[in-house]
Amino acid sequence: MTDTKTPDPGTQAAPAPPGLEGRTAVVTGGASGIGRAVAARLSGAGVNVLVLDRDEDGARAVADDVGGRALVADLSSAESIEGLGLGRDVQADILVNNAGIQHVAPIEDFDPDRFALIQRVMLEAPFRLVRSLLPGMYAGGWGRIVHVSSVHGHRASPYKSAYVTAKHGLEGLSKVIALEAAGKGVTSNTVCPGYVRTPLVEGQIADQARTHGIDEADVLDQVLLARTPVKRLVEPAEVADLVAFLCGPGTDSITGSSFLMDGGWTAA
């Protein structure tokens, strides 16, 4: 006799969640460093990647490498961002806010114009990009917004007033997006690495040496990794893997969170 008993729903295998194939992502600062690694990682998962950078040649090179498309804009300019046509001519259901700049100086010597520039690129631009793309994400019932923040979104360091301010602000912006997007299929999270092996970090070494009065050869151990138990730089591919995870299946309830990958810096 055939057993026709209905299986217990709690023991049935759930259907496999859909992957990222066919999704479209905008990755800012995509011409190098973390952005380049994220573009490659998402492309490998079947995502159509729009590589956004002010470096046109660099953006096109990465886009060619990953089979994507280059978008060129100066993220410090509202007009340049508006000219991209995001949400109108260009639709995307994944946004990775990664672009960043750095300046190291004591507050009393910090150029106010440079301070304002860093806020425009690293805080105002993410707001503008999210604002443009959210309606399309809501209409499609799905979206992933990942902000590449920093351990400096949780901790301060001397001589980095603009960068620390912007990253703390980005953490707050991400949480507000998460609350507003709740129930609409859109998530917002931050990824917060320590020092990553990128041109941005390499470019700090001379400034840090001058500001701290030490040799450039001593900057890595005495400044950059001084508070990090794991004494190595984070690799861009590690950040890219975490970004891809947050965009992938099984993450509908992961939102408003901040993911530290700082080698134990904040554990103390």
Protein backbone atom coordinates (compact mmCIF):
# COMPACT_ATOMS: atom_id res chain seq x y z
CA MET A 1 0.00 0.00 0.00
CA THR A 2 1.34 3.41 -0.96
CA ASP A 3 1.89 5.85 1.87
CA THR A 4 0.07 9.04 0.89
CA LYS A 5 0.73 10.87 4.16
CA THR A 6 1.44 14.55 3.61
CA PRO A 7 5.08 15.34 4.48
CA ASP A 8 5.77 17.55 7.45
CA PRO A 9 6.43 21.04 6.01
CA GLY A 10 9.21 21.46 8.53
CA THR A 11 11.16 18.60 7.00
CA GLN A 12 10.72 19.46 3.33
CA ALA A 13 13.70 20.86 1.46
CA ALA A 14 13.18 24.50 0.57
CA PRO A 15 13.53 25.43 -3.10
CA ALA A 16 16.95 26.79 -3.99
CA PRO A 17 16.97 30.59 -3.82
CA PRO A 18 17.66 32.46 -7.04
CA GLY A 19 21.18 33.68 -7.67
CA LEU A 20 22.38 36.99 -9.02
CA GLU A 21 22.35 36.12 -12.71
CA GLY A 22 20.84 38.90 -14.78
CA ARG A 23 20.99 41.55 -12.06
CA THR A 24 22.58 44.92 -12.78
CA ALA A 25 24.99 46.61 -10.37
CA VAL A 26 26.50 50.07 -10.17
CA VAL A 27 29.91 50.01 -8.48
CA THR A 28 31.39 53.41 -7.68
CA GLY A 29 35.14 53.87 -7.57
CA GLY A 30 35.23 50.82 -9.78
CA ALA A 31 38.41 51.61 -11.68
CA SER A 32 40.80 50.33 -9.02
CA GLY A 33 41.24 48.81 -5.58
CA ILE A 34 38.16 47.50 -3.81
CA GLY A 35 35.83 48.70 -6.56
CA ARG A 36 37.71 46.76 -9.20
CA ALA A 37 37.63 43.62 -7.04
CA VAL A 38 33.89 44.03 -6.41
CA ALA A 39 33.20 44.50 -10.12
CA ALA A 40 35.09 41.29 -10.93
CA ARG A 41 33.42 39.31 -8.14
CA LEU A 42 29.88 40.37 -9.08
CA SER A 43 30.53 39.80 -12.76
CA GLY A 44 31.66 36.29 -11.92
CA ALA A 45 28.27 35.73 -10.28
CA GLY A 46 26.47 36.69 -13.48
CA VAL A 47 25.82 40.34 -12.69
CA ASN A 48 25.92 43.02 -15.38
CA VAL A 49 28.33 45.55 -13.84
CA LEU A 50 28.31 49.28 -14.48
CA VAL A 51 31.76 50.54 -13.49
CA LEU A 52 31.42 54.12 -12.27
CA ASP A 53 34.53 56.24 -11.86
CA ARG A 54 35.87 59.66 -12.76
CA ASP A 55 38.88 57.91 -14.34
CA GLU A 56 37.43 57.18 -17.75
CA ASP A 57 40.33 55.07 -19.01
CA GLY A 58 40.43 53.05 -15.80
CA ALA A 59 36.67 52.52 -15.77
CA ARG A 60 36.67 51.37 -19.39
CA ALA A 61 39.56 48.98 -18.75
CA VAL A 62 37.77 47.33 -15.84
CA ALA A 63 34.48 47.25 -17.74
CA ASP A 64 36.24 45.53 -20.62
CA ASP A 65 37.78 43.01 -18.23
CA VAL A 66 34.46 42.09 -16.62
CA GLY A 67 32.24 42.39 -19.67
CA GLY A 68 30.43 45.39 -18.22
CA ARG A 69 29.97 49.03 -19.10
CA ALA A 70 31.79 52.15 -17.95
CA LEU A 71 30.02 55.15 -16.44
CA VAL A 72 32.07 58.31 -16.02
CA ALA A 73 31.17 60.94 -13.44
CA ASP A 74 32.71 63.26 -10.87
CA LEU A 75 30.96 62.26 -7.66
CA SER A 76 31.79 65.60 -6.07
CA SER A 77 29.42 67.25 -8.56
CA ALA A 78 25.64 66.98 -8.24
CA GLU A 79 25.31 67.92 -11.90
CA SER A 80 27.68 65.15 -12.96
CA ILE A 81 25.73 62.59 -10.93
CA GLU A 82 22.44 63.83 -12.38
CA GLY A 83 23.89 63.49 -15.87
CA LEU A 84 24.29 59.74 -15.42
CA GLY A 85 20.54 59.32 -15.77
CA LEU A 86 20.37 56.72 -13.01
CA GLY A 87 16.80 55.71 -12.34
CA ARG A 88 15.75 57.18 -15.69
CA ASP A 89 17.93 56.03 -18.57
CA VAL A 90 20.00 53.63 -16.47
CA GLN A 91 18.36 51.13 -14.13
CA ALA A 92 20.14 49.01 -11.53
CA ASP A 93 19.02 46.80 -8.68
CA ILE A 94 22.40 46.64 -6.90
CA LEU A 95 24.37 49.69 -5.76
CA VAL A 96 27.82 49.43 -4.21
CA ASN A 97 28.92 52.79 -2.81
CA ASN A 98 32.69 52.41 -2.72
CA ALA A 99 34.33 55.59 -4.03
CA GLY A 100 36.48 57.42 -1.53
CA ILE A 101 39.28 59.92 -1.09
CA GLN A 102 41.53 60.68 1.83
CA HIS A 103 43.42 63.60 3.35
CA VAL A 104 45.57 63.47 6.47
CA ALA A 105 46.17 66.66 8.48
CA PRO A 106 45.56 68.13 11.95
CA ILE A 107 42.21 69.90 12.21
CA GLU A 108 43.83 73.32 12.57
CA ASP A 109 45.64 72.77 9.28
CA PHE A 110 42.83 70.94 7.47
CA ASP A 111 41.67 72.83 4.39
CA PRO A 112 37.90 73.43 4.80
CA ASP A 113 37.38 73.05 1.06
CA ARG A 114 39.07 69.65 1.17
CA PHE A 115 36.87 68.68 4.12
CA ALA A 116 33.76 69.65 2.16
CA LEU A 117 34.96 67.77 -0.93
CA ILE A 118 35.36 64.55 1.05
CA GLN A 119 31.82 64.89 2.42
CA ARG A 120 30.43 65.40 -1.08
CA VAL A 121 32.19 62.36 -2.52
CA MET A 122 31.78 59.96 0.39
CA LEU A 123 28.44 60.93 1.94
CA GLU A 124 26.40 63.22 -0.29
CA ALA A 125 27.08 61.20 -3.47
CA PRO A 126 25.89 57.92 -1.90
CA PHE A 127 22.71 59.70 -0.81
CA ARG A 128 22.14 61.04 -4.33
CA LEU A 129 22.79 57.68 -5.97
CA VAL A 130 20.49 55.83 -3.57
CA ARG A 131 17.81 58.48 -4.05
CA SER A 132 17.94 57.96 -7.81
CA LEU A 133 17.87 54.16 -7.79
CA LEU A 134 15.49 53.38 -4.92
CA PRO A 135 12.23 53.95 -6.85
CA GLY A 136 13.24 51.37 -9.45
CA MET A 137 14.28 48.91 -6.77
CA TYR A 138 10.95 49.40 -5.00
CA ALA A 139 9.06 48.90 -8.26
CA GLY A 140 10.93 45.66 -8.90
CA GLY A 141 10.48 44.44 -5.35
CA TRP A 142 14.21 43.73 -4.95
CA GLY A 143 17.39 45.67 -4.34
CA ARG A 144 20.73 45.48 -2.59
CA ILE A 145 22.63 48.52 -1.39
CA VAL A 146 26.07 47.93 0.07
CA HIS A 147 28.20 50.81 1.30
CA VAL A 148 31.92 50.18 1.59
CA SER A 149 32.44 52.02 4.84
CA SER A 150 35.45 51.49 7.10
CA VAL A 151 36.52 50.66 10.60
CA HIS A 152 36.61 54.46 10.77
CA GLY A 153 32.84 54.35 10.67
CA HIS A 154 33.14 52.89 14.20
CA ARG A 155 36.46 54.25 15.47
CA ALA A 156 38.31 57.54 15.10
CA SER A 157 41.92 58.19 14.23
CA PRO A 158 43.76 61.47 14.63
CA TYR A 159 44.34 63.66 11.56
CA LYS A 160 41.43 62.14 9.61
CA SER A 161 38.57 64.44 10.61
CA ALA A 162 36.91 64.50 7.19
CA TYR A 163 37.21 60.78 6.47
CA VAL A 164 35.99 59.70 9.92
CA THR A 165 33.10 62.16 9.75
CA ALA A 166 32.02 60.88 6.33
CA LYS A 167 32.23 57.22 7.33
CA HIS A 168 30.25 57.76 10.52
CA GLY A 169 27.64 59.58 8.45
CA LEU A 170 27.52 56.73 5.94
CA GLU A 171 26.76 54.28 8.74
CA GLY A 172 23.77 56.41 9.75
CA LEU A 173 22.57 56.84 6.17
CA SER A 174 22.65 53.07 5.62
CA LYS A 175 20.50 52.45 8.69
CA VAL A 176 17.90 55.02 7.61
CA ILE A 177 17.72 53.42 4.15
CA ALA A 178 17.26 50.01 5.78
CA LEU A 179 14.33 51.25 7.86
CA GLU A 180 12.62 53.03 4.98
CA ALA A 181 13.13 50.07 2.61
CA ALA A 182 11.95 47.43 5.06
CA GLY A 183 9.23 45.26 3.55
CA LYS A 184 10.00 46.44 0.01
CA GLY A 185 12.60 43.82 -0.86
CA VAL A 186 15.53 46.21 -0.56
CA THR A 187 18.35 45.88 1.97
CA SER A 188 21.08 48.30 3.02
CA ASN A 189 24.27 47.32 4.83
CA THR A 190 27.82 48.50 5.33
CA VAL A 191 31.09 46.65 5.01
CA CYS A 192 33.80 48.04 7.28
CA PRO A 193 37.33 46.87 6.54
CA GLY A 194 40.46 47.99 8.26
CA TYR A 195 43.34 49.09 6.07
CA VAL A 196 43.05 47.48 2.64
CA ARG A 197 45.84 47.04 0.13
CA THR A 198 44.66 49.76 -2.27
CA PRO A 199 46.10 52.88 -3.95
CA LEU A 200 44.17 54.97 -1.40
CA VAL A 201 46.06 53.39 1.49
CA GLU A 202 49.39 53.40 -0.31
CA GLY A 203 48.90 57.09 -1.00
CA GLN A 204 48.58 57.83 2.74
CA ILE A 205 52.03 56.61 3.67
CA ALA A 206 53.92 59.79 2.86
CA ASP A 207 51.27 61.98 4.54
CA GLN A 208 51.24 59.79 7.64
CA ALA A 209 55.04 59.80 7.86
CA ARG A 210 55.14 63.58 7.63
CA THR A 211 52.28 64.12 10.09
CA HIS A 212 53.63 61.68 12.68
CA GLY A 213 57.28 62.61 12.17
CA ILE A 214 58.43 59.07 11.32
CA ASP A 215 60.00 57.31 8.37
CA GLU A 216 57.72 56.01 5.62
CA ALA A 217 59.03 52.49 6.23
CA ASP A 218 57.62 52.60 9.78
CA VAL A 219 54.11 53.81 8.90
CA LEU A 220 52.58 50.37 8.36
CA ASP A 221 53.54 48.95 11.77
CA GLN A 222 53.53 52.11 13.88
CA VAL A 223 50.43 53.80 12.45
CA LEU A 224 48.23 51.82 10.08
CA LEU A 225 48.37 48.46 11.87
CA ALA A 226 49.22 49.71 15.35
CA ARG A 227 45.75 48.85 16.74
CA THR A 228 45.16 45.74 14.61
CA PRO A 229 45.93 42.34 16.19
CA VAL A 230 46.08 40.67 12.76
CA LYS A 231 49.18 42.35 11.38
CA ARG A 232 48.42 42.45 7.70
CA LEU A 233 46.48 44.55 5.24
CA VAL A 234 43.06 43.33 4.13
CA GLU A 235 43.03 42.22 0.51
CA PRO A 236 40.47 43.79 -1.90
CA ALA A 237 39.16 40.33 -2.84
CA GLU A 238 38.18 39.69 0.79
CA VAL A 239 36.02 42.81 0.80
CA ALA A 240 34.54 41.86 -2.57
CA ASP A 241 33.52 38.43 -1.28
CA LEU A 242 31.62 39.99 1.63
CA VAL A 243 29.91 42.49 -0.67
CA ALA A 244 28.85 39.67 -2.99
CA PHE A 245 27.49 37.66 -0.06
CA LEU A 246 25.32 40.59 1.06
CA CYS A 247 23.92 40.86 -2.46
CA GLY A 248 23.31 37.15 -2.84
CA PRO A 249 20.58 34.68 -1.90
CA GLY A 250 19.51 34.15 1.68
CA THR A 251 20.09 37.76 2.75
CA ASP A 252 16.56 39.20 2.75
CA SER A 253 16.65 39.71 6.53
CA ILE A 254 20.17 41.09 6.68
CA THR A 255 19.67 44.84 6.63
CA GLY A 256 20.72 47.83 8.68
CA SER A 257 23.83 45.95 9.73
CA SER A 258 27.50 46.87 9.72
CA PHE A 259 30.04 44.14 9.00
CA LEU A 260 33.50 44.68 10.44
CA MET A 261 36.53 43.02 8.87
CA ASP A 262 39.21 44.89 10.74
CA GLY A 263 41.61 42.20 11.94
CA GLY A 264 40.31 42.54 15.50
CA TRP A 265 40.81 46.31 15.79
CA THR A 266 37.40 46.89 17.39
CA ALA A 267 37.53 43.80 19.58
CA ALA A 268 39.65 45.55 22.20
